[in-house]
Amino acid sequence: MLSRLPNALSVLRLIIAPFIFIAIARHDSVSIAALAAIAVLTDFLDGFLARKYNAISQAGKILDPLADKLCVGAAAVGATVFMGMPIFLLIIIILRDLMIGVFGLRIIKAKRQIPVSNIWGKITVFILTVTLIVYIYEAEVLYIPMYILAIVFILISSYSYFLIGMRLLNRK
């Protein structure tokens, strides 16, 4: 039972992604806060439980980052469309996720190996989540610092994943 819990938590995040978008569209701050808390908590718990109970699975290696991308993507699109978040930040988020996805698929096809998330990716997802919350709750004084922090970590994590991907692809 415990071995399935991490993947179930990732699936829960996949399910709540569209509700995050809907809550933002409705400017429902209570639902946004609740859904964001669930997303952050389940993101932490799925990895923690998978490691603690030795329940790391091939499915989990795909579900966890996919759930992250869908939740962050839903929030970013919602914040851009309904709350006026600058489109440049949405474009950067989408480009990063596309690059990671395409590169990951290439590695899976070439090496039959699923690349795993690393600390830079996890930190970036957390910073993006905080940035989106700052924007959604209109903490204007934090906009610029959070944009800068988000972009810096997007670049760091993208570079990190690029290097890891190149090492995996060049490995004989």
N, C-alpha and C. Protein backbone atom coordinates (compact mmCIF):
# COMPACT_ATOMS: atom_id res chain seq x y z
N MET A 1 0.82 -1.20 0.00
CA MET A 1 0.00 0.00 0.00
C MET A 1 0.87 1.26 0.00
N LEU A 2 1.84 1.34 0.93
CA LEU A 2 2.70 2.52 1.00
C LEU A 2 3.52 2.71 -0.26
N SER A 3 3.82 1.62 -0.95
CA SER A 3 4.62 1.73 -2.17
C SER A 3 3.86 2.45 -3.29
N ARG A 4 2.55 2.47 -3.21
CA ARG A 4 1.73 3.14 -4.23
C ARG A 4 1.39 4.58 -3.88
N LEU A 5 1.56 4.93 -2.63
CA LEU A 5 1.17 6.27 -2.16
C LEU A 5 1.90 7.41 -2.88
N PRO A 6 3.23 7.32 -3.09
CA PRO A 6 3.90 8.43 -3.79
C PRO A 6 3.30 8.71 -5.17
N ASN A 7 3.03 7.67 -5.95
CA ASN A 7 2.44 7.88 -7.28
C ASN A 7 1.01 8.40 -7.17
N ALA A 8 0.27 7.96 -6.17
CA ALA A 8 -1.09 8.46 -5.97
C ALA A 8 -1.06 9.96 -5.66
N LEU A 9 -0.06 10.40 -4.90
CA LEU A 9 0.06 11.83 -4.60
C LEU A 9 0.39 12.63 -5.86
N SER A 10 1.23 12.07 -6.73
CA SER A 10 1.53 12.73 -8.00
C SER A 10 0.29 12.81 -8.88
N VAL A 11 -0.49 11.73 -8.91
CA VAL A 11 -1.74 11.72 -9.69
C VAL A 11 -2.71 12.77 -9.13
N LEU A 12 -2.75 12.91 -7.82
CA LEU A 12 -3.60 13.95 -7.21
C LEU A 12 -3.21 15.33 -7.74
N ARG A 13 -1.91 15.59 -7.86
CA ARG A 13 -1.46 16.87 -8.40
C ARG A 13 -1.88 17.03 -9.86
N LEU A 14 -1.82 15.95 -10.62
CA LEU A 14 -2.29 16.01 -12.01
C LEU A 14 -3.77 16.39 -12.06
N ILE A 15 -4.54 15.84 -11.15
CA ILE A 15 -5.98 16.09 -11.12
C ILE A 15 -6.29 17.53 -10.71
N ILE A 16 -5.52 18.09 -9.77
CA ILE A 16 -5.86 19.44 -9.30
C ILE A 16 -5.36 20.55 -10.22
N ALA A 17 -4.47 20.23 -11.17
CA ALA A 17 -3.93 21.28 -12.06
C ALA A 17 -5.03 22.11 -12.74
N PRO A 18 -6.05 21.49 -13.36
CA PRO A 18 -7.07 22.33 -13.99
C PRO A 18 -7.87 23.15 -12.97
N PHE A 19 -8.00 22.64 -11.76
CA PHE A 19 -8.73 23.38 -10.73
C PHE A 19 -7.95 24.61 -10.26
N ILE A 20 -6.63 24.52 -10.33
CA ILE A 20 -5.79 25.69 -10.03
C ILE A 20 -6.10 26.78 -11.05
N PHE A 21 -6.14 26.40 -12.31
CA PHE A 21 -6.45 27.35 -13.38
C PHE A 21 -7.84 27.97 -13.17
N ILE A 22 -8.82 27.14 -12.87
CA ILE A 22 -10.19 27.62 -12.66
C ILE A 22 -10.26 28.57 -11.47
N ALA A 23 -9.58 28.23 -10.38
CA ALA A 23 -9.58 29.09 -9.19
C ALA A 23 -8.98 30.45 -9.51
N ILE A 24 -7.91 30.46 -10.31
CA ILE A 24 -7.29 31.73 -10.70
C ILE A 24 -8.25 32.51 -11.60
N ALA A 25 -8.89 31.82 -12.54
CA ALA A 25 -9.85 32.49 -13.43
C ALA A 25 -10.98 33.15 -12.65
N ARG A 26 -11.37 32.52 -11.57
CA ARG A 26 -12.46 33.06 -10.74
C ARG A 26 -11.97 34.02 -9.66
N HIS A 27 -10.66 34.23 -9.60
CA HIS A 27 -10.06 35.08 -8.56
C HIS A 27 -10.48 34.61 -7.17
N ASP A 28 -10.54 33.30 -7.00
CA ASP A 28 -10.97 32.68 -5.74
C ASP A 28 -9.73 32.42 -4.87
N SER A 29 -9.37 33.41 -4.07
CA SER A 29 -8.11 33.35 -3.32
C SER A 29 -8.07 32.20 -2.31
N VAL A 30 -9.20 31.86 -1.73
CA VAL A 30 -9.23 30.75 -0.77
C VAL A 30 -8.91 29.43 -1.48
N SER A 31 -9.56 29.19 -2.61
CA SER A 31 -9.30 27.96 -3.37
C SER A 31 -7.87 27.93 -3.91
N ILE A 32 -7.39 29.07 -4.38
CA ILE A 32 -6.01 29.14 -4.88
C ILE A 32 -5.05 28.73 -3.77
N ALA A 33 -5.23 29.31 -2.58
CA ALA A 33 -4.34 29.00 -1.45
C ALA A 33 -4.42 27.53 -1.07
N ALA A 34 -5.63 26.99 -1.02
CA ALA A 34 -5.81 25.58 -0.65
C ALA A 34 -5.17 24.66 -1.68
N LEU A 35 -5.41 24.93 -2.95
CA LEU A 35 -4.86 24.09 -4.01
C LEU A 35 -3.34 24.20 -4.08
N ALA A 36 -2.82 25.41 -3.90
CA ALA A 36 -1.36 25.59 -3.89
C ALA A 36 -0.74 24.83 -2.73
N ALA A 37 -1.38 24.89 -1.57
CA ALA A 37 -0.87 24.17 -0.39
C ALA A 37 -0.88 22.66 -0.64
N ILE A 38 -1.96 22.16 -1.23
CA ILE A 38 -2.04 20.73 -1.55
C ILE A 38 -0.95 20.35 -2.55
N ALA A 39 -0.76 21.17 -3.57
CA ALA A 39 0.25 20.88 -4.59
C ALA A 39 1.65 20.85 -3.99
N VAL A 40 1.98 21.85 -3.17
CA VAL A 40 3.31 21.91 -2.57
C VAL A 40 3.51 20.74 -1.59
N LEU A 41 2.52 20.49 -0.76
CA LEU A 41 2.63 19.41 0.23
C LEU A 41 2.75 18.04 -0.44
N THR A 42 1.92 17.77 -1.43
CA THR A 42 1.99 16.47 -2.09
C THR A 42 3.27 16.32 -2.91
N ASP A 43 3.79 17.44 -3.44
CA ASP A 43 5.06 17.39 -4.17
C ASP A 43 6.19 16.99 -3.21
N PHE A 44 6.19 17.57 -2.03
CA PHE A 44 7.21 17.21 -1.03
C PHE A 44 7.02 15.75 -0.59
N LEU A 45 5.79 15.40 -0.25
CA LEU A 45 5.52 14.08 0.32
C LEU A 45 5.78 12.94 -0.65
N ASP A 46 5.46 13.12 -1.94
CA ASP A 46 5.64 11.98 -2.85
C ASP A 46 7.11 11.59 -2.94
N GLY A 47 8.00 12.56 -3.05
CA GLY A 47 9.42 12.25 -3.10
C GLY A 47 9.95 11.69 -1.79
N PHE A 48 9.54 12.31 -0.70
CA PHE A 48 9.97 11.87 0.63
C PHE A 48 9.55 10.42 0.88
N LEU A 49 8.29 10.12 0.62
CA LEU A 49 7.77 8.77 0.87
C LEU A 49 8.39 7.74 -0.08
N ALA A 50 8.60 8.14 -1.33
CA ALA A 50 9.21 7.21 -2.29
C ALA A 50 10.62 6.82 -1.84
N ARG A 51 11.37 7.79 -1.34
CA ARG A 51 12.72 7.48 -0.86
C ARG A 51 12.68 6.69 0.45
N LYS A 52 11.82 7.13 1.37
CA LYS A 52 11.76 6.49 2.69
C LYS A 52 11.35 5.02 2.60
N TYR A 53 10.38 4.72 1.76
CA TYR A 53 9.86 3.35 1.66
C TYR A 53 10.39 2.61 0.43
N ASN A 54 11.46 3.14 -0.14
CA ASN A 54 12.07 2.52 -1.31
C ASN A 54 11.02 2.21 -2.38
N ALA A 55 10.18 3.21 -2.63
CA ALA A 55 9.07 3.04 -3.57
C ALA A 55 9.28 3.89 -4.83
N ILE A 56 10.53 4.15 -5.16
CA ILE A 56 10.83 4.91 -6.38
C ILE A 56 10.50 4.01 -7.57
N SER A 57 9.69 4.52 -8.49
CA SER A 57 9.26 3.71 -9.62
C SER A 57 9.48 4.45 -10.93
N GLN A 58 9.48 3.70 -12.02
CA GLN A 58 9.61 4.32 -13.34
C GLN A 58 8.43 5.27 -13.58
N ALA A 59 7.24 4.83 -13.18
CA ALA A 59 6.05 5.69 -13.35
C ALA A 59 6.21 6.97 -12.54
N GLY A 60 6.71 6.85 -11.33
CA GLY A 60 6.89 8.02 -10.47
C GLY A 60 7.90 9.01 -11.04
N LYS A 61 8.92 8.49 -11.73
CA LYS A 61 9.92 9.36 -12.35
C LYS A 61 9.31 10.21 -13.45
N ILE A 62 8.20 9.75 -14.00
CA ILE A 62 7.49 10.52 -15.03
C ILE A 62 6.37 11.34 -14.41
N LEU A 63 5.58 10.71 -13.53
CA LEU A 63 4.41 11.39 -12.95
C LEU A 63 4.78 12.63 -12.14
N ASP A 64 5.82 12.54 -11.31
CA ASP A 64 6.16 13.66 -10.44
C ASP A 64 6.53 14.93 -11.22
N PRO A 65 7.50 14.87 -12.15
CA PRO A 65 7.80 16.10 -12.88
C PRO A 65 6.67 16.55 -13.80
N LEU A 66 5.89 15.59 -14.32
CA LEU A 66 4.74 15.96 -15.15
C LEU A 66 3.72 16.73 -14.33
N ALA A 67 3.45 16.26 -13.12
CA ALA A 67 2.51 16.95 -12.23
C ALA A 67 3.03 18.35 -11.88
N ASP A 68 4.33 18.46 -11.63
CA ASP A 68 4.92 19.77 -11.35
C ASP A 68 4.68 20.72 -12.52
N LYS A 69 4.99 20.24 -13.71
CA LYS A 69 4.86 21.09 -14.90
C LYS A 69 3.41 21.49 -15.16
N LEU A 70 2.48 20.57 -14.95
CA LEU A 70 1.07 20.90 -15.18
C LEU A 70 0.54 21.89 -14.14
N CYS A 71 0.91 21.70 -12.88
CA CYS A 71 0.43 22.63 -11.84
C CYS A 71 1.03 24.02 -12.04
N VAL A 72 2.34 24.08 -12.25
CA VAL A 72 2.99 25.38 -12.48
C VAL A 72 2.47 25.99 -13.77
N GLY A 73 2.33 25.18 -14.81
CA GLY A 73 1.82 25.68 -16.09
C GLY A 73 0.41 26.22 -15.98
N ALA A 74 -0.47 25.50 -15.29
CA ALA A 74 -1.85 25.96 -15.11
C ALA A 74 -1.88 27.28 -14.36
N ALA A 75 -1.06 27.39 -13.32
CA ALA A 75 -1.01 28.63 -12.55
C ALA A 75 -0.42 29.77 -13.37
N ALA A 76 0.62 29.48 -14.15
CA ALA A 76 1.26 30.52 -14.95
C ALA A 76 0.34 31.02 -16.06
N VAL A 77 -0.33 30.10 -16.74
CA VAL A 77 -1.28 30.51 -17.79
C VAL A 77 -2.42 31.31 -17.16
N GLY A 78 -2.96 30.82 -16.06
CA GLY A 78 -4.04 31.54 -15.38
C GLY A 78 -3.61 32.92 -14.93
N ALA A 79 -2.43 33.02 -14.34
CA ALA A 79 -1.94 34.32 -13.86
C ALA A 79 -1.71 35.28 -15.02
N THR A 80 -1.26 34.76 -16.16
CA THR A 80 -1.03 35.61 -17.33
C THR A 80 -2.35 36.06 -17.95
N VAL A 81 -3.25 35.12 -18.16
CA VAL A 81 -4.52 35.42 -18.84
C VAL A 81 -5.46 36.25 -17.97
N PHE A 82 -5.58 35.89 -16.70
CA PHE A 82 -6.61 36.50 -15.87
C PHE A 82 -6.10 37.56 -14.89
N MET A 83 -4.80 37.63 -14.70
CA MET A 83 -4.29 38.56 -13.70
C MET A 83 -3.19 39.46 -14.24
N GLY A 84 -2.91 39.35 -15.51
CA GLY A 84 -1.96 40.26 -16.14
C GLY A 84 -0.49 40.00 -15.85
N MET A 85 -0.14 38.79 -15.44
CA MET A 85 1.28 38.49 -15.25
C MET A 85 1.97 38.66 -16.59
N PRO A 86 3.18 39.20 -16.61
CA PRO A 86 3.87 39.42 -17.88
C PRO A 86 4.05 38.13 -18.67
N ILE A 87 3.76 38.22 -19.95
CA ILE A 87 3.82 37.04 -20.80
C ILE A 87 5.24 36.51 -20.94
N PHE A 88 6.25 37.40 -20.78
CA PHE A 88 7.62 36.93 -20.92
C PHE A 88 7.93 35.83 -19.90
N LEU A 89 7.39 35.94 -18.70
CA LEU A 89 7.64 34.92 -17.68
C LEU A 89 6.96 33.60 -18.06
N LEU A 90 5.75 33.68 -18.58
CA LEU A 90 5.05 32.48 -19.05
C LEU A 90 5.84 31.81 -20.18
N ILE A 91 6.33 32.60 -21.11
CA ILE A 91 7.10 32.05 -22.24
C ILE A 91 8.36 31.35 -21.75
N ILE A 92 9.06 31.97 -20.80
CA ILE A 92 10.28 31.36 -20.26
C ILE A 92 9.96 30.03 -19.57
N ILE A 93 8.88 30.00 -18.80
CA ILE A 93 8.47 28.76 -18.12
C ILE A 93 8.15 27.68 -19.14
N ILE A 94 7.37 28.04 -20.16
CA ILE A 94 6.98 27.06 -21.18
C ILE A 94 8.20 26.56 -21.96
N LEU A 95 9.10 27.47 -22.34
CA LEU A 95 10.29 27.06 -23.08
C LEU A 95 11.16 26.11 -22.26
N ARG A 96 11.33 26.40 -20.98
CA ARG A 96 12.11 25.52 -20.10
C ARG A 96 11.48 24.13 -20.06
N ASP A 97 10.18 24.09 -19.83
CA ASP A 97 9.51 22.80 -19.72
C ASP A 97 9.53 22.02 -21.04
N LEU A 98 9.39 22.73 -22.15
CA LEU A 98 9.47 22.06 -23.46
C LEU A 98 10.87 21.49 -23.68
N MET A 99 11.89 22.28 -23.35
CA MET A 99 13.26 21.82 -23.53
C MET A 99 13.52 20.57 -22.69
N ILE A 100 13.11 20.61 -21.43
CA ILE A 100 13.31 19.46 -20.55
C ILE A 100 12.52 18.25 -21.07
N GLY A 101 11.29 18.47 -21.52
CA GLY A 101 10.47 17.38 -22.03
C GLY A 101 11.03 16.75 -23.28
N VAL A 102 11.43 17.57 -24.25
CA VAL A 102 11.97 17.06 -25.51
C VAL A 102 13.29 16.33 -25.26
N PHE A 103 14.15 16.95 -24.46
CA PHE A 103 15.43 16.33 -24.13
C PHE A 103 15.22 15.02 -23.38
N GLY A 104 14.28 15.01 -22.45
CA GLY A 104 13.98 13.80 -21.69
C GLY A 104 13.48 12.68 -22.58
N LEU A 105 12.59 13.00 -23.51
CA LEU A 105 12.09 11.98 -24.45
C LEU A 105 13.21 11.44 -25.32
N ARG A 106 14.11 12.32 -25.72
CA ARG A 106 15.25 11.89 -26.54
C ARG A 106 16.14 10.90 -25.75
N ILE A 107 16.35 11.20 -24.48
CA ILE A 107 17.15 10.31 -23.63
C ILE A 107 16.44 8.97 -23.44
N ILE A 108 15.15 9.02 -23.19
CA ILE A 108 14.38 7.78 -23.02
C ILE A 108 14.48 6.92 -24.27
N LYS A 109 14.32 7.55 -25.43
CA LYS A 109 14.36 6.80 -26.69
C LYS A 109 15.76 6.25 -26.97
N ALA A 110 16.79 7.06 -26.75
CA ALA A 110 18.15 6.65 -27.09
C ALA A 110 18.76 5.71 -26.07
N LYS A 111 18.48 5.94 -24.80
CA LYS A 111 19.17 5.19 -23.74
C LYS A 111 18.25 4.29 -22.92
N ARG A 112 16.97 4.33 -23.18
CA ARG A 112 15.99 3.55 -22.40
C ARG A 112 16.15 3.83 -20.90
N GLN A 113 16.38 5.09 -20.60
CA GLN A 113 16.57 5.52 -19.22
C GLN A 113 15.75 6.79 -19.00
N ILE A 114 15.05 6.83 -17.88
CA ILE A 114 14.25 8.01 -17.54
C ILE A 114 15.11 8.95 -16.72
N PRO A 115 15.39 10.16 -17.25
CA PRO A 115 16.17 11.11 -16.45
C PRO A 115 15.35 11.57 -15.24
N VAL A 116 16.02 11.73 -14.12
CA VAL A 116 15.31 12.12 -12.90
C VAL A 116 15.51 13.60 -12.59
N SER A 117 14.60 14.13 -11.80
CA SER A 117 14.70 15.51 -11.36
C SER A 117 15.93 15.66 -10.47
N ASN A 118 16.48 16.88 -10.45
CA ASN A 118 17.59 17.13 -9.54
C ASN A 118 17.23 18.30 -8.63
N ILE A 119 18.14 18.63 -7.74
CA ILE A 119 17.87 19.67 -6.74
C ILE A 119 17.58 21.02 -7.39
N TRP A 120 18.26 21.34 -8.50
CA TRP A 120 18.02 22.63 -9.17
C TRP A 120 16.61 22.69 -9.73
N GLY A 121 16.13 21.59 -10.27
CA GLY A 121 14.76 21.55 -10.77
C GLY A 121 13.75 21.70 -9.66
N LYS A 122 14.00 21.04 -8.53
CA LYS A 122 13.08 21.12 -7.39
C LYS A 122 13.05 22.54 -6.81
N ILE A 123 14.23 23.15 -6.69
CA ILE A 123 14.28 24.53 -6.18
C ILE A 123 13.56 25.47 -7.15
N THR A 124 13.77 25.25 -8.44
CA THR A 124 13.12 26.10 -9.45
C THR A 124 11.60 25.99 -9.37
N VAL A 125 11.08 24.78 -9.24
CA VAL A 125 9.63 24.61 -9.12
C VAL A 125 9.11 25.33 -7.88
N PHE A 126 9.83 25.23 -6.78
CA PHE A 126 9.42 25.92 -5.55
C PHE A 126 9.43 27.43 -5.75
N ILE A 127 10.49 27.96 -6.36
CA ILE A 127 10.57 29.41 -6.59
C ILE A 127 9.48 29.87 -7.56
N LEU A 128 9.22 29.08 -8.59
CA LEU A 128 8.13 29.43 -9.51
C LEU A 128 6.79 29.44 -8.79
N THR A 129 6.58 28.49 -7.90
CA THR A 129 5.34 28.45 -7.13
C THR A 129 5.21 29.70 -6.27
N VAL A 130 6.28 30.07 -5.58
CA VAL A 130 6.25 31.29 -4.75
C VAL A 130 6.03 32.52 -5.63
N THR A 131 6.71 32.58 -6.77
CA THR A 131 6.55 33.72 -7.69
C THR A 131 5.10 33.85 -8.14
N LEU A 132 4.49 32.74 -8.50
CA LEU A 132 3.09 32.77 -8.94
C LEU A 132 2.16 33.19 -7.80
N ILE A 133 2.42 32.70 -6.61
CA ILE A 133 1.61 33.10 -5.46
C ILE A 133 1.75 34.59 -5.19
N VAL A 134 2.98 35.09 -5.27
CA VAL A 134 3.23 36.53 -5.08
C VAL A 134 2.42 37.32 -6.10
N TYR A 135 2.41 36.85 -7.34
CA TYR A 135 1.68 37.58 -8.38
C TYR A 135 0.17 37.46 -8.18
N ILE A 136 -0.29 36.27 -7.91
CA ILE A 136 -1.73 36.05 -7.75
C ILE A 136 -2.29 36.85 -6.58
N TYR A 137 -1.50 36.97 -5.50
CA TYR A 137 -1.96 37.72 -4.32
C TYR A 137 -1.53 39.19 -4.35
N GLU A 138 -1.01 39.61 -5.51
CA GLU A 138 -0.71 41.02 -5.79
C GLU A 138 0.23 41.65 -4.76
N ALA A 139 1.27 40.93 -4.39
CA ALA A 139 2.31 41.48 -3.51
C ALA A 139 3.31 42.21 -4.40
N GLU A 140 2.88 43.37 -4.91
CA GLU A 140 3.60 44.08 -5.96
C GLU A 140 5.05 44.39 -5.62
N VAL A 141 5.35 44.65 -4.38
CA VAL A 141 6.72 44.98 -3.99
C VAL A 141 7.68 43.81 -4.25
N LEU A 142 7.14 42.60 -4.35
CA LEU A 142 7.97 41.42 -4.58
C LEU A 142 8.02 40.98 -6.04
N TYR A 143 7.27 41.62 -6.92
CA TYR A 143 7.22 41.18 -8.32
C TYR A 143 8.62 41.08 -8.93
N ILE A 144 9.33 42.19 -8.98
CA ILE A 144 10.63 42.24 -9.66
C ILE A 144 11.64 41.28 -9.02
N PRO A 145 11.81 41.31 -7.68
CA PRO A 145 12.76 40.36 -7.10
C PRO A 145 12.41 38.89 -7.40
N MET A 146 11.13 38.56 -7.36
CA MET A 146 10.73 37.17 -7.64
C MET A 146 10.90 36.82 -9.12
N TYR A 147 10.63 37.77 -10.02
CA TYR A 147 10.86 37.51 -11.45
C TYR A 147 12.33 37.20 -11.68
N ILE A 148 13.19 38.04 -11.08
CA ILE A 148 14.63 37.85 -11.27
C ILE A 148 15.06 36.50 -10.70
N LEU A 149 14.62 36.21 -9.49
CA LEU A 149 14.97 34.93 -8.86
C LEU A 149 14.46 33.75 -9.70
N ALA A 150 13.24 33.85 -10.18
CA ALA A 150 12.67 32.77 -11.00
C ALA A 150 13.48 32.58 -12.28
N ILE A 151 13.81 33.66 -12.95
CA ILE A 151 14.57 33.55 -14.21
C ILE A 151 15.96 32.98 -13.95
N VAL A 152 16.62 33.43 -12.89
CA VAL A 152 17.94 32.91 -12.56
C VAL A 152 17.88 31.40 -12.34
N PHE A 153 16.90 30.94 -11.57
CA PHE A 153 16.80 29.51 -11.30
C PHE A 153 16.31 28.72 -12.50
N ILE A 154 15.50 29.31 -13.35
CA ILE A 154 15.12 28.64 -14.60
C ILE A 154 16.37 28.41 -15.44
N LEU A 155 17.23 29.42 -15.53
CA LEU A 155 18.46 29.28 -16.31
C LEU A 155 19.40 28.24 -15.69
N ILE A 156 19.56 28.29 -14.36
CA ILE A 156 20.43 27.32 -13.68
C ILE A 156 19.92 25.90 -13.89
N SER A 157 18.62 25.69 -13.66
CA SER A 157 18.09 24.33 -13.78
C SER A 157 18.12 23.86 -15.24
N SER A 158 17.84 24.75 -16.17
CA SER A 158 17.90 24.38 -17.59
C SER A 158 19.31 23.94 -17.97
N TYR A 159 20.29 24.72 -17.55
CA TYR A 159 21.69 24.38 -17.83
C TYR A 159 22.06 23.05 -17.18
N SER A 160 21.64 22.87 -15.95
CA SER A 160 21.91 21.63 -15.22
C SER A 160 21.32 20.43 -15.95
N TYR A 161 20.06 20.53 -16.36
CA TYR A 161 19.42 19.43 -17.09
C TYR A 161 20.08 19.20 -18.45
N PHE A 162 20.52 20.27 -19.09
CA PHE A 162 21.21 20.15 -20.37
C PHE A 162 22.50 19.34 -20.18
N LEU A 163 23.29 19.70 -19.16
CA LEU A 163 24.55 18.98 -18.91
C LEU A 163 24.30 17.51 -18.59
N ILE A 164 23.32 17.25 -17.73
CA ILE A 164 22.99 15.87 -17.38
C ILE A 164 22.54 15.10 -18.62
N GLY A 165 21.70 15.73 -19.43
CA GLY A 165 21.22 15.09 -20.65
C GLY A 165 22.35 14.78 -21.63
N MET A 166 23.27 15.72 -21.79
CA MET A 166 24.39 15.50 -22.70
C MET A 166 25.27 14.35 -22.19
N ARG A 167 25.50 14.30 -20.88
CA ARG A 167 26.29 13.20 -20.31
C ARG A 167 25.60 11.85 -20.57
N LEU A 168 24.29 11.82 -20.35
CA LEU A 168 23.56 10.56 -20.57
C LEU A 168 23.59 10.16 -22.04
N LEU A 169 23.39 11.12 -22.93
CA LEU A 169 23.37 10.81 -24.36
C LEU A 169 24.74 10.40 -24.88
N ASN A 170 25.80 10.96 -24.31
CA ASN A 170 27.15 10.65 -24.78
C ASN A 170 27.75 9.41 -24.11
N ARG A 171 27.07 8.89 -23.10
CA ARG A 171 27.55 7.69 -22.41
C ARG A 171 27.39 6.49 -23.34
N LYS A 172 28.40 5.68 -23.39
CA LYS A 172 28.37 4.50 -24.27
C LYS A 172 27.70 3.34 -23.61
